[in-house]
């Protein structure tokens, strides 16, 4: 298999509310909505995020988004009206979490200095 990219997929109960939340989280509107009940943010260093209107599965997802500088993201998200958890720091770097309105858990992770992934 030659992998060209990977998409995290999260289910939401209220699609419009989900698009608004993830637009604020990602700092931009979705790149497209290729079919009813689906929005996607593409071309993020080989990764992407898909949001699906699936009320029966909403709130059970988890994903991790690797960021360059946690403090910068915390400031940007605070300005967008979103609140991250307190930082958790370890040998593996810094992580903080936030839940979307349905309860899906999103972890932001800043790798340790010098990490090559």
PDB file of N, CA and C in Angstrom:
ATOM      1  N   UNK A   1       0.849  -1.171   0.000  1.00  0.00           N
ATOM      2  CA  UNK A   1       0.000   0.000   0.000  1.00  0.00           C
ATOM      3  C   UNK A   1       0.899   1.239   0.000  1.00  0.00           C
ATOM      4  N   UNK A   2       0.608   2.150  -0.891  1.00  0.00           N
ATOM      5  CA  UNK A   2       1.288   3.443  -0.905  1.00  0.00           C
ATOM      6  C   UNK A   2       0.310   4.472  -0.365  1.00  0.00           C
ATOM      7  N   UNK A   3       0.560   4.932   0.839  1.00  0.00           N
ATOM      8  CA  UNK A   3      -0.351   5.875   1.500  1.00  0.00           C
ATOM      9  C   UNK A   3      -0.033   7.292   1.047  1.00  0.00           C
ATOM     10  N   UNK A   4      -1.046   7.997   0.592  1.00  0.00           N
ATOM     11  CA  UNK A   4      -0.880   9.389   0.177  1.00  0.00           C
ATOM     12  C   UNK A   4      -1.376  10.361   1.229  1.00  0.00           C
ATOM     13  N   UNK A   5      -2.129   9.873   2.175  1.00  0.00           N
ATOM     14  CA  UNK A   5      -2.642  10.725   3.237  1.00  0.00           C
ATOM     15  C   UNK A   5      -3.554   9.936   4.152  1.00  0.00           C
ATOM     16  N   UNK A   6      -3.856  10.521   5.287  1.00  0.00           N
ATOM     17  CA  UNK A   6      -4.766   9.906   6.254  1.00  0.00           C
ATOM     18  C   UNK A   6      -5.730  10.975   6.743  1.00  0.00           C
ATOM     19  N   UNK A   7      -7.005  10.603   6.873  1.00  0.00           N
ATOM     20  CA  UNK A   7      -8.037  11.499   7.377  1.00  0.00           C
ATOM     21  C   UNK A   7      -8.552  10.985   8.713  1.00  0.00           C
ATOM     22  N   UNK A   8      -8.621  11.866   9.685  1.00  0.00           N
ATOM     23  CA  UNK A   8      -9.347  11.568  10.916  1.00  0.00           C
ATOM     24  C   UNK A   8     -10.818  11.836  10.618  1.00  0.00           C
ATOM     25  N   UNK A   9     -11.703  10.961  11.062  1.00  0.00           N
ATOM     26  CA  UNK A   9     -13.139  11.118  10.816  1.00  0.00           C
ATOM     27  C   UNK A   9     -13.872  11.187  12.150  1.00  0.00           C
ATOM     28  N   UNK A  10     -14.697  12.212  12.301  1.00  0.00           N
ATOM     29  CA  UNK A  10     -15.470  12.389  13.527  1.00  0.00           C
ATOM     30  C   UNK A  10     -16.942  12.547  13.177  1.00  0.00           C
ATOM     31  N   UNK A  11     -17.798  11.942  13.980  1.00  0.00           N
ATOM     32  CA  UNK A  11     -19.242  12.015  13.779  1.00  0.00           C
ATOM     33  C   UNK A  11     -19.848  13.048  14.719  1.00  0.00           C
ATOM     34  N   UNK A  12     -20.810  13.803  14.196  1.00  0.00           N
ATOM     35  CA  UNK A  12     -21.513  14.807  14.995  1.00  0.00           C
ATOM     36  C   UNK A  12     -23.017  14.633  14.831  1.00  0.00           C
ATOM     37  N   UNK A  13     -23.762  15.056  15.846  1.00  0.00           N
ATOM     38  CA  UNK A  13     -25.222  14.971  15.808  1.00  0.00           C
ATOM     39  C   UNK A  13     -25.831  16.162  15.084  1.00  0.00           C
ATOM     40  N   UNK A  14     -25.280  17.342  15.311  1.00  0.00           N
ATOM     41  CA  UNK A  14     -25.768  18.578  14.689  1.00  0.00           C
ATOM     42  C   UNK A  14     -24.686  19.049  13.726  1.00  0.00           C
ATOM     43  N   UNK A  15     -24.892  18.811  12.441  1.00  0.00           N
ATOM     44  CA  UNK A  15     -23.854  19.060  11.446  1.00  0.00           C
ATOM     45  C   UNK A  15     -23.433  20.525  11.392  1.00  0.00           C
ATOM     46  N   UNK A  16     -24.378  21.437  11.333  1.00  0.00           N
ATOM     47  CA  UNK A  16     -24.023  22.866  11.240  1.00  0.00           C
ATOM     48  C   UNK A  16     -23.253  23.325  12.473  1.00  0.00           C
ATOM     49  N   UNK A  17     -23.687  22.906  13.649  1.00  0.00           N
ATOM     50  CA  UNK A  17     -22.975  23.250  14.883  1.00  0.00           C
ATOM     51  C   UNK A  17     -21.558  22.677  14.840  1.00  0.00           C
ATOM     52  N   UNK A  18     -21.416  21.465  14.337  1.00  0.00           N
ATOM     53  CA  UNK A  18     -20.102  20.845  14.215  1.00  0.00           C
ATOM     54  C   UNK A  18     -19.192  21.598  13.261  1.00  0.00           C
ATOM     55  N   UNK A  19     -19.725  22.009  12.119  1.00  0.00           N
ATOM     56  CA  UNK A  19     -18.919  22.769  11.151  1.00  0.00           C
ATOM     57  C   UNK A  19     -18.454  24.079  11.777  1.00  0.00           C
ATOM     58  N   UNK A  20     -19.315  24.744  12.518  1.00  0.00           N
ATOM     59  CA  UNK A  20     -18.926  26.001  13.181  1.00  0.00           C
ATOM     60  C   UNK A  20     -17.810  25.737  14.188  1.00  0.00           C
ATOM     61  N   UNK A  21     -17.950  24.712  15.019  1.00  0.00           N
ATOM     62  CA  UNK A  21     -16.923  24.401  16.014  1.00  0.00           C
ATOM     63  C   UNK A  21     -15.589  24.092  15.341  1.00  0.00           C
ATOM     64  N   UNK A  22     -15.594  23.206  14.345  1.00  0.00           N
ATOM     65  CA  UNK A  22     -14.335  22.801  13.718  1.00  0.00           C
ATOM     66  C   UNK A  22     -13.732  23.909  12.858  1.00  0.00           C
ATOM     67  N   UNK A  23     -14.545  24.801  12.337  1.00  0.00           N
ATOM     68  CA  UNK A  23     -14.010  25.982  11.646  1.00  0.00           C
ATOM     69  C   UNK A  23     -13.220  26.827  12.632  1.00  0.00           C
ATOM     70  N   UNK A  24     -13.750  27.009  13.826  1.00  0.00           N
ATOM     71  CA  UNK A  24     -13.027  27.758  14.864  1.00  0.00           C
ATOM     72  C   UNK A  24     -11.775  27.000  15.302  1.00  0.00           C
ATOM     73  N   UNK A  25     -11.896  25.692  15.501  1.00  0.00           N
ATOM     74  CA  UNK A  25     -10.756  24.890  15.932  1.00  0.00           C
ATOM     75  C   UNK A  25      -9.630  24.917  14.894  1.00  0.00           C
ATOM     76  N   UNK A  26      -9.969  24.697  13.634  1.00  0.00           N
ATOM     77  CA  UNK A  26      -8.957  24.612  12.585  1.00  0.00           C
ATOM     78  C   UNK A  26      -8.478  25.989  12.116  1.00  0.00           C
ATOM     79  N   UNK A  27      -9.225  27.033  12.451  1.00  0.00           N
ATOM     80  CA  UNK A  27      -8.828  28.378  12.044  1.00  0.00           C
ATOM     81  C   UNK A  27      -9.174  28.700  10.605  1.00  0.00           C
ATOM     82  N   UNK A  28     -10.036  27.900  10.001  1.00  0.00           N
ATOM     83  CA  UNK A  28     -10.473  28.130   8.621  1.00  0.00           C
ATOM     84  C   UNK A  28     -11.695  27.275   8.319  1.00  0.00           C
ATOM     85  N   UNK A  29     -12.435  27.697   7.324  1.00  0.00           N
ATOM     86  CA  UNK A  29     -13.613  26.950   6.896  1.00  0.00           C
ATOM     87  C   UNK A  29     -13.177  25.636   6.245  1.00  0.00           C
ATOM     88  N   UNK A  30     -14.082  24.670   6.154  1.00  0.00           N
ATOM     89  CA  UNK A  30     -13.724  23.431   5.470  1.00  0.00           C
ATOM     90  C   UNK A  30     -13.362  23.708   4.010  1.00  0.00           C
ATOM     91  N   UNK A  31     -12.510  22.868   3.466  1.00  0.00           N
ATOM     92  CA  UNK A  31     -12.129  23.019   2.063  1.00  0.00           C
ATOM     93  C   UNK A  31     -13.285  22.692   1.138  1.00  0.00           C
ATOM     94  N   UNK A  32     -14.106  21.737   1.539  1.00  0.00           N
ATOM     95  CA  UNK A  32     -15.277  21.417   0.729  1.00  0.00           C
ATOM     96  C   UNK A  32     -16.268  20.596   1.545  1.00  0.00           C
ATOM     97  N   UNK A  33     -17.447  20.492   0.967  1.00  0.00           N
ATOM     98  CA  UNK A  33     -18.499  19.631   1.503  1.00  0.00           C
ATOM     99  C   UNK A  33     -18.968  18.790   0.320  1.00  0.00           C
ATOM    100  N   UNK A  34     -18.230  17.702   0.022  1.00  0.00           N
ATOM    101  CA  UNK A  34     -18.446  16.962  -1.212  1.00  0.00           C
ATOM    102  C   UNK A  34     -19.767  16.200  -1.305  1.00  0.00           C
ATOM    103  N   UNK A  35     -20.448  16.045  -0.188  1.00  0.00           N
ATOM    104  CA  UNK A  35     -21.757  15.388  -0.192  1.00  0.00           C
ATOM    105  C   UNK A  35     -22.532  15.875   1.026  1.00  0.00           C
ATOM    106  N   UNK A  36     -23.837  15.729   1.017  1.00  0.00           N
ATOM    107  CA  UNK A  36     -24.615  16.171   2.172  1.00  0.00           C
ATOM    108  C   UNK A  36     -24.147  15.470   3.451  1.00  0.00           C
ATOM    109  N   UNK A  37     -23.992  16.252   4.512  1.00  0.00           N
ATOM    110  CA  UNK A  37     -23.613  15.689   5.798  1.00  0.00           C
ATOM    111  C   UNK A  37     -22.143  15.361   5.948  1.00  0.00           C
ATOM    112  N   UNK A  38     -21.302  15.919   5.082  1.00  0.00           N
ATOM    113  CA  UNK A  38     -19.860  15.685   5.179  1.00  0.00           C
ATOM    114  C   UNK A  38     -19.118  16.973   4.862  1.00  0.00           C
ATOM    115  N   UNK A  39     -18.155  17.309   5.721  1.00  0.00           N
ATOM    116  CA  UNK A  39     -17.260  18.447   5.473  1.00  0.00           C
ATOM    117  C   UNK A  39     -15.843  17.956   5.683  1.00  0.00           C
ATOM    118  N   UNK A  40     -14.904  18.538   4.930  1.00  0.00           N
ATOM    119  CA  UNK A  40     -13.524  18.108   5.123  1.00  0.00           C
ATOM    120  C   UNK A  40     -12.533  19.252   5.004  1.00  0.00           C
ATOM    121  N   UNK A  41     -11.523  19.132   5.851  1.00  0.00           N
ATOM    122  CA  UNK A  41     -10.372  20.035   5.845  1.00  0.00           C
ATOM    123  C   UNK A  41      -9.234  19.188   5.288  1.00  0.00           C
ATOM    124  N   UNK A  42      -8.684  19.593   4.136  1.00  0.00           N
ATOM    125  CA  UNK A  42      -7.697  18.777   3.430  1.00  0.00           C
ATOM    126  C   UNK A  42      -6.323  19.434   3.431  1.00  0.00           C
ATOM    127  N   UNK A  43      -5.366  18.682   2.911  1.00  0.00           N
ATOM    128  CA  UNK A  43      -4.020  19.188   2.620  1.00  0.00           C
ATOM    129  C   UNK A  43      -3.314  19.758   3.838  1.00  0.00           C
ATOM    130  N   UNK A  44      -3.316  19.000   4.912  1.00  0.00           N
ATOM    131  CA  UNK A  44      -2.618  19.416   6.131  1.00  0.00           C
ATOM    132  C   UNK A  44      -1.437  18.471   6.343  1.00  0.00           C
ATOM    133  N   UNK A  45      -0.378  18.688   5.589  1.00  0.00           N
ATOM    134  CA  UNK A  45       0.823  17.842   5.680  1.00  0.00           C
ATOM    135  C   UNK A  45       0.500  16.358   5.521  1.00  0.00           C
ATOM    136  N   UNK A  46      -0.308  16.029   4.532  1.00  0.00           N
ATOM    137  CA  UNK A  46      -0.661  14.636   4.275  1.00  0.00           C
ATOM    138  C   UNK A  46      -1.820  14.118   5.098  1.00  0.00           C
ATOM    139  N   UNK A  47      -2.371  14.973   5.932  1.00  0.00           N
ATOM    140  CA  UNK A  47      -3.493  14.570   6.784  1.00  0.00           C
ATOM    141  C   UNK A  47      -4.722  15.409   6.457  1.00  0.00           C
ATOM    142  N   UNK A  48      -5.839  14.984   6.964  1.00  0.00           N
ATOM    143  CA  UNK A  48      -7.068  15.731   6.796  1.00  0.00           C
ATOM    144  C   UNK A  48      -8.047  15.383   7.905  1.00  0.00           C
ATOM    145  N   UNK A  49      -9.117  16.138   7.965  1.00  0.00           N
ATOM    146  CA  UNK A  49     -10.169  15.914   8.954  1.00  0.00           C
ATOM    147  C   UNK A  49     -11.500  15.875   8.229  1.00  0.00           C
ATOM    148  N   UNK A  50     -12.258  14.824   8.453  1.00  0.00           N
ATOM    149  CA  UNK A  50     -13.601  14.718   7.894  1.00  0.00           C
ATOM    150  C   UNK A  50     -14.614  14.746   9.029  1.00  0.00           C
ATOM    151  N   UNK A  51     -15.651  15.526   8.817  1.00  0.00           N
ATOM    152  CA  UNK A  51     -16.747  15.642   9.769  1.00  0.00           C
ATOM    153  C   UNK A  51     -17.981  15.036   9.114  1.00  0.00           C
ATOM    154  N   UNK A  52     -18.632  14.120   9.809  1.00  0.00           N
ATOM    155  CA  UNK A  52     -19.793  13.410   9.273  1.00  0.00           C
ATOM    156  C   UNK A  52     -21.012  13.641  10.157  1.00  0.00           C
ATOM    157  N   UNK A  53     -22.152  13.851   9.520  1.00  0.00           N
ATOM    158  CA  UNK A  53     -23.409  13.934  10.255  1.00  0.00           C
ATOM    159  C   UNK A  53     -23.907  12.507  10.470  1.00  0.00           C
ATOM    160  N   UNK A  54     -23.593  11.962  11.640  1.00  0.00           N
ATOM    161  CA  UNK A  54     -23.996  10.606  12.029  1.00  0.00           C
ATOM    162  C   UNK A  54     -24.406  10.651  13.496  1.00  0.00           C
ATOM    163  N   UNK A  55     -25.629  11.100  13.787  1.00  0.00           N
ATOM    164  CA  UNK A  55     -26.056  11.248  15.178  1.00  0.00           C
ATOM    165  C   UNK A  55     -25.871   9.989  16.018  1.00  0.00           C
ATOM    166  N   UNK A  56     -26.038   8.826  15.416  1.00  0.00           N
ATOM    167  CA  UNK A  56     -25.930   7.577  16.176  1.00  0.00           C
ATOM    168  C   UNK A  56     -24.499   7.291  16.639  1.00  0.00           C
ATOM    169  N   UNK A  57     -23.511   7.899  16.004  1.00  0.00           N
ATOM    170  CA  UNK A  57     -22.105   7.682  16.371  1.00  0.00           C
ATOM    171  C   UNK A  57     -21.453   8.904  17.007  1.00  0.00           C
ATOM    172  N   UNK A  58     -22.184   9.984  17.128  1.00  0.00           N
ATOM    173  CA  UNK A  58     -21.609  11.242  17.619  1.00  0.00           C
ATOM    174  C   UNK A  58     -21.104  11.113  19.051  1.00  0.00           C
ATOM    175  N   UNK A  59     -19.977  11.767  19.297  1.00  0.00           N
ATOM    176  CA  UNK A  59     -19.452  11.861  20.649  1.00  0.00           C
ATOM    177  C   UNK A  59     -18.551  10.732  21.094  1.00  0.00           C
ATOM    178  N   UNK A  60     -18.271   9.775  20.224  1.00  0.00           N
ATOM    179  CA  UNK A  60     -17.444   8.627  20.601  1.00  0.00           C
ATOM    180  C   UNK A  60     -16.060   8.662  19.963  1.00  0.00           C
ATOM    181  N   UNK A  61     -15.728   9.765  19.277  1.00  0.00           N
ATOM    182  CA  UNK A  61     -14.466   9.830  18.546  1.00  0.00           C
ATOM    183  C   UNK A  61     -13.339  10.474  19.332  1.00  0.00           C
ATOM    184  N   UNK A  62     -12.144  10.169  18.884  1.00  0.00           N
ATOM    185  CA  UNK A  62     -10.925  10.777  19.440  1.00  0.00           C
ATOM    186  C   UNK A  62      -9.973  10.998  18.279  1.00  0.00           C
ATOM    187  N   UNK A  63      -9.258  12.103  18.327  1.00  0.00           N
ATOM    188  CA  UNK A  63      -8.195  12.326  17.350  1.00  0.00           C
ATOM    189  C   UNK A  63      -7.132  13.207  17.975  1.00  0.00           C
ATOM    190  N   UNK A  64      -5.934  13.128  17.435  1.00  0.00           N
ATOM    191  CA  UNK A  64      -4.823  13.957  17.893  1.00  0.00           C
ATOM    192  C   UNK A  64      -4.336  14.796  16.728  1.00  0.00           C
ATOM    193  N   UNK A  65      -4.132  16.067  16.989  1.00  0.00           N
ATOM    194  CA  UNK A  65      -3.604  17.000  15.994  1.00  0.00           C
ATOM    195  C   UNK A  65      -2.257  17.485  16.508  1.00  0.00           C
ATOM    196  N   UNK A  66      -1.204  17.249  15.742  1.00  0.00           N
ATOM    197  CA  UNK A  66       0.139  17.673  16.129  1.00  0.00           C
ATOM    198  C   UNK A  66       0.323  19.126  15.710  1.00  0.00           C
ATOM    199  N   UNK A  67       0.751  19.949  16.665  1.00  0.00           N
ATOM    200  CA  UNK A  67       0.947  21.386  16.425  1.00  0.00           C
ATOM    201  C   UNK A  67       2.404  21.752  16.687  1.00  0.00           C
ATOM    202  N   UNK A  68       2.826  22.884  16.142  1.00  0.00           N
ATOM    203  CA  UNK A  68       4.218  23.320  16.320  1.00  0.00           C
ATOM    204  C   UNK A  68       4.472  23.894  17.702  1.00  0.00           C
ATOM    205  N   UNK A  69       3.586  24.822  18.127  1.00  0.00           N
ATOM    206  CA  UNK A  69       3.793  25.522  19.404  1.00  0.00           C
ATOM    207  C   UNK A  69       2.454  25.579  20.142  1.00  0.00           C
ATOM    208  N   UNK A  70       2.346  24.842  21.242  1.00  0.00           N
ATOM    209  CA  UNK A  70       1.092  24.774  21.993  1.00  0.00           C
ATOM    210  C   UNK A  70       0.634  26.149  22.457  1.00  0.00           C
ATOM    211  N   UNK A  71       1.552  26.968  22.951  1.00  0.00           N
ATOM    212  CA  UNK A  71       1.166  28.294  23.451  1.00  0.00           C
ATOM    213  C   UNK A  71       0.511  29.134  22.366  1.00  0.00           C
ATOM    214  N   UNK A  72       1.012  29.047  21.134  1.00  0.00           N
ATOM    215  CA  UNK A  72       0.411  29.795  20.021  1.00  0.00           C
ATOM    216  C   UNK A  72      -1.004  29.305  19.744  1.00  0.00           C
ATOM    217  N   UNK A  73      -1.191  27.990  19.752  1.00  0.00           N
ATOM    218  CA  UNK A  73      -2.528  27.429  19.498  1.00  0.00           C
ATOM    219  C   UNK A  73      -3.483  27.767  20.631  1.00  0.00           C
ATOM    220  N   UNK A  74      -3.005  27.712  21.860  1.00  0.00           N
ATOM    221  CA  UNK A  74      -3.855  28.066  23.004  1.00  0.00           C
ATOM    222  C   UNK A  74      -4.339  29.510  22.866  1.00  0.00           C
ATOM    223  N   UNK A  75      -3.453  30.415  22.514  1.00  0.00           N
ATOM    224  CA  UNK A  75      -3.815  31.824  22.341  1.00  0.00           C
ATOM    225  C   UNK A  75      -4.832  31.977  21.206  1.00  0.00           C
ATOM    226  N   UNK A  76      -4.577  31.333  20.073  1.00  0.00           N
ATOM    227  CA  UNK A  76      -5.482  31.430  18.927  1.00  0.00           C
ATOM    228  C   UNK A  76      -6.858  30.880  19.280  1.00  0.00           C
ATOM    229  N   UNK A  77      -6.895  29.745  19.948  1.00  0.00           N
ATOM    230  CA  UNK A  77      -8.177  29.138  20.309  1.00  0.00           C
ATOM    231  C   UNK A  77      -8.917  29.955  21.357  1.00  0.00           C
ATOM    232  N   UNK A  78      -8.197  30.515  22.304  1.00  0.00           N
ATOM    233  CA  UNK A  78      -8.827  31.395  23.298  1.00  0.00           C
ATOM    234  C   UNK A  78      -9.480  32.577  22.597  1.00  0.00           C
ATOM    235  N   UNK A  79      -8.780  33.160  21.638  1.00  0.00           N
ATOM    236  CA  UNK A  79      -9.336  34.284  20.876  1.00  0.00           C
ATOM    237  C   UNK A  79     -10.545  33.867  20.047  1.00  0.00           C
ATOM    238  N   UNK A  80     -10.627  32.581  19.697  1.00  0.00           N
ATOM    239  CA  UNK A  80     -11.767  32.056  18.944  1.00  0.00           C
ATOM    240  C   UNK A  80     -12.896  31.592  19.862  1.00  0.00           C
ATOM    241  N   UNK A  81     -12.710  31.753  21.180  1.00  0.00           N
ATOM    242  CA  UNK A  81     -13.747  31.370  22.129  1.00  0.00           C
ATOM    243  C   UNK A  81     -13.724  29.911  22.539  1.00  0.00           C
ATOM    244  N   UNK A  82     -12.611  29.221  22.304  1.00  0.00           N
ATOM    245  CA  UNK A  82     -12.483  27.815  22.681  1.00  0.00           C
ATOM    246  C   UNK A  82     -11.451  27.677  23.788  1.00  0.00           C
ATOM    247  N   UNK A  83     -11.688  26.751  24.705  1.00  0.00           N
ATOM    248  CA  UNK A  83     -10.793  26.587  25.856  1.00  0.00           C
ATOM    249  C   UNK A  83     -10.185  25.189  25.874  1.00  0.00           C
ATOM    250  N   UNK A  84      -8.859  25.135  25.871  1.00  0.00           N
ATOM    251  CA  UNK A  84      -8.137  23.875  26.023  1.00  0.00           C
ATOM    252  C   UNK A  84      -8.002  23.528  27.497  1.00  0.00           C
ATOM    253  N   UNK A  85      -7.795  22.257  27.779  1.00  0.00           N
ATOM    254  CA  UNK A  85      -7.466  21.832  29.139  1.00  0.00           C
ATOM    255  C   UNK A  85      -6.087  22.365  29.502  1.00  0.00           C
ATOM    256  N   UNK A  86      -5.712  22.171  30.747  1.00  0.00           N
ATOM    257  CA  UNK A  86      -4.349  22.512  31.162  1.00  0.00           C
ATOM    258  C   UNK A  86      -3.366  21.632  30.393  1.00  0.00           C
ATOM    259  N   UNK A  87      -2.165  22.156  30.192  1.00  0.00           N
ATOM    260  CA  UNK A  87      -1.119  21.378  29.530  1.00  0.00           C
ATOM    261  C   UNK A  87      -0.724  20.179  30.378  1.00  0.00           C
ATOM    262  N   UNK A  88      -0.463  19.068  29.712  1.00  0.00           N
ATOM    263  CA  UNK A  88       0.138  17.889  30.329  1.00  0.00           C
ATOM    264  C   UNK A  88       1.508  17.756  29.679  1.00  0.00           C
ATOM    265  N   UNK A  89       2.555  17.783  30.494  1.00  0.00           N
ATOM    266  CA  UNK A  89       3.924  17.819  29.982  1.00  0.00           C
ATOM    267  C   UNK A  89       4.659  16.551  30.376  1.00  0.00           C
ATOM    268  N   UNK A  90       5.407  16.007  29.441  1.00  0.00           N
ATOM    269  CA  UNK A  90       6.205  14.819  29.723  1.00  0.00           C
ATOM    270  C   UNK A  90       7.342  14.701  28.724  1.00  0.00           C
ATOM    271  N   UNK A  91       8.048  13.600  28.779  1.00  0.00           N
ATOM    272  CA  UNK A  91       9.138  13.362  27.836  1.00  0.00           C
ATOM    273  C   UNK A  91       8.641  13.361  26.395  1.00  0.00           C
ATOM    274  N   UNK A  92       7.374  13.052  26.201  1.00  0.00           N
ATOM    275  CA  UNK A  92       6.753  12.965  24.890  1.00  0.00           C
ATOM    276  C   UNK A  92       6.308  14.324  24.375  1.00  0.00           C
ATOM    277  N   UNK A  93       6.501  15.402  25.132  1.00  0.00           N
ATOM    278  CA  UNK A  93       6.111  16.738  24.695  1.00  0.00           C
ATOM    279  C   UNK A  93       5.007  17.312  25.559  1.00  0.00           C
ATOM    280  N   UNK A  94       4.158  18.113  24.931  1.00  0.00           N
ATOM    281  CA  UNK A  94       3.064  18.798  25.631  1.00  0.00           C
ATOM    282  C   UNK A  94       1.756  18.444  24.933  1.00  0.00           C
ATOM    283  N   UNK A  95       0.734  18.076  25.696  1.00  0.00           N
ATOM    284  CA  UNK A  95      -0.591  17.848  25.129  1.00  0.00           C
ATOM    285  C   UNK A  95      -1.627  18.631  25.924  1.00  0.00           C
ATOM    286  N   UNK A  96      -2.702  18.988  25.240  1.00  0.00           N
ATOM    287  CA  UNK A  96      -3.866  19.618  25.862  1.00  0.00           C
ATOM    288  C   UNK A  96      -5.087  19.115  25.097  1.00  0.00           C
ATOM    289  N   UNK A  97      -6.231  19.116  25.753  1.00  0.00           N
ATOM    290  CA  UNK A  97      -7.422  18.542  25.136  1.00  0.00           C
ATOM    291  C   UNK A  97      -8.591  19.516  25.124  1.00  0.00           C
ATOM    292  N   UNK A  98      -9.506  19.213  24.211  1.00  0.00           N
ATOM    293  CA  UNK A  98     -10.761  19.945  24.107  1.00  0.00           C
ATOM    294  C   UNK A  98     -11.798  18.959  23.576  1.00  0.00           C
ATOM    295  N   UNK A  99     -13.035  19.137  23.960  1.00  0.00           N
ATOM    296  CA  UNK A  99     -14.124  18.305  23.439  1.00  0.00           C
ATOM    297  C   UNK A  99     -14.998  19.162  22.538  1.00  0.00           C
ATOM    298  N   UNK A 100     -15.488  18.558  21.457  1.00  0.00           N
ATOM    299  CA  UNK A 100     -16.440  19.276  20.616  1.00  0.00           C
ATOM    300  C   UNK A 100     -17.817  19.235  21.290  1.00  0.00           C
ATOM    301  N   UNK A 101     -18.812  19.923  20.751  1.00  0.00           N
ATOM    302  CA  UNK A 101     -20.127  19.966  21.407  1.00  0.00           C
ATOM    303  C   UNK A 101     -20.790  18.600  21.599  1.00  0.00           C
ATOM    304  N   UNK A 102     -20.382  17.597  20.822  1.00  0.00           N
ATOM    305  CA  UNK A 102     -20.946  16.258  20.979  1.00  0.00           C
ATOM    306  C   UNK A 102     -20.150  15.384  21.934  1.00  0.00           C
ATOM    307  N   UNK A 103     -18.973  15.844  22.341  1.00  0.00           N
ATOM    308  CA  UNK A 103     -18.148  15.074  23.255  1.00  0.00           C
ATOM    309  C   UNK A 103     -16.973  14.362  22.616  1.00  0.00           C
ATOM    310  N   UNK A 104     -16.788  14.485  21.299  1.00  0.00           N
ATOM    311  CA  UNK A 104     -15.584  13.940  20.673  1.00  0.00           C
ATOM    312  C   UNK A 104     -14.372  14.615  21.291  1.00  0.00           C
ATOM    313  N   UNK A 105     -13.344  13.832  21.593  1.00  0.00           N
ATOM    314  CA  UNK A 105     -12.153  14.353  22.260  1.00  0.00           C
ATOM    315  C   UNK A 105     -11.058  14.655  21.243  1.00  0.00           C
ATOM    316  N   UNK A 106     -10.567  15.887  21.264  1.00  0.00           N
ATOM    317  CA  UNK A 106      -9.483  16.305  20.390  1.00  0.00           C
ATOM    318  C   UNK A 106      -8.286  16.631  21.269  1.00  0.00           C
ATOM    319  N   UNK A 107      -7.164  15.991  20.984  1.00  0.00           N
ATOM    320  CA  UNK A 107      -5.923  16.258  21.699  1.00  0.00           C
ATOM    321  C   UNK A 107      -5.004  17.039  20.779  1.00  0.00           C
ATOM    322  N   UNK A 108      -4.489  18.157  21.265  1.00  0.00           N
ATOM    323  CA  UNK A 108      -3.432  18.870  20.555  1.00  0.00           C
ATOM    324  C   UNK A 108      -2.120  18.430  21.179  1.00  0.00           C
ATOM    325  N   UNK A 109      -1.134  18.144  20.350  1.00  0.00           N
ATOM    326  CA  UNK A 109       0.151  17.647  20.836  1.00  0.00           C
ATOM    327  C   UNK A 109       1.293  18.434  20.215  1.00  0.00           C
ATOM    328  N   UNK A 110       2.148  18.966  21.066  1.00  0.00           N
ATOM    329  CA  UNK A 110       3.392  19.610  20.624  1.00  0.00           C
ATOM    330  C   UNK A 110       4.523  18.644  20.935  1.00  0.00           C
ATOM    331  N   UNK A 111       5.183  18.102  19.908  1.00  0.00           N
ATOM    332  CA  UNK A 111       6.259  17.153  20.175  1.00  0.00           C
ATOM    333  C   UNK A 111       7.444  17.822  20.865  1.00  0.00           C
ATOM    334  N   UNK A 112       8.297  17.019  21.483  1.00  0.00           N
ATOM    335  CA  UNK A 112       9.483  17.597  22.115  1.00  0.00           C
ATOM    336  C   UNK A 112      10.398  18.224  21.064  1.00  0.00           C
ATOM    337  N   UNK A 113      11.182  19.181  21.480  1.00  0.00           N
ATOM    338  CA  UNK A 113      12.122  19.845  20.576  1.00  0.00           C
ATOM    339  C   UNK A 113      13.033  18.801  19.936  1.00  0.00           C
ATOM    340  N   UNK A 114      13.255  18.944  18.643  1.00  0.00           N
ATOM    341  CA  UNK A 114      14.116  18.023  17.917  1.00  0.00           C
ATOM    342  C   UNK A 114      13.424  16.771  17.419  1.00  0.00           C
ATOM    343  N   UNK A 115      12.136  16.613  17.723  1.00  0.00           N
ATOM    344  CA  UNK A 115      11.389  15.434  17.284  1.00  0.00           C
ATOM    345  C   UNK A 115      11.211  15.476  15.771  1.00  0.00           C
ATOM    346  N   UNK A 116      11.449  14.360  15.115  1.00  0.00           N
ATOM    347  CA  UNK A 116      11.190  14.228  13.685  1.00  0.00           C
ATOM    348  C   UNK A 116      10.220  13.072  13.529  1.00  0.00           C
ATOM    349  N   UNK A 117       9.022  13.365  12.962  1.00  0.00           N
ATOM    350  CA  UNK A 117       7.992  12.329  12.898  1.00  0.00           C
ATOM    351  C   UNK A 117       7.769  11.739  11.586  1.00  0.00           C
TER     352      UNK A 117
END
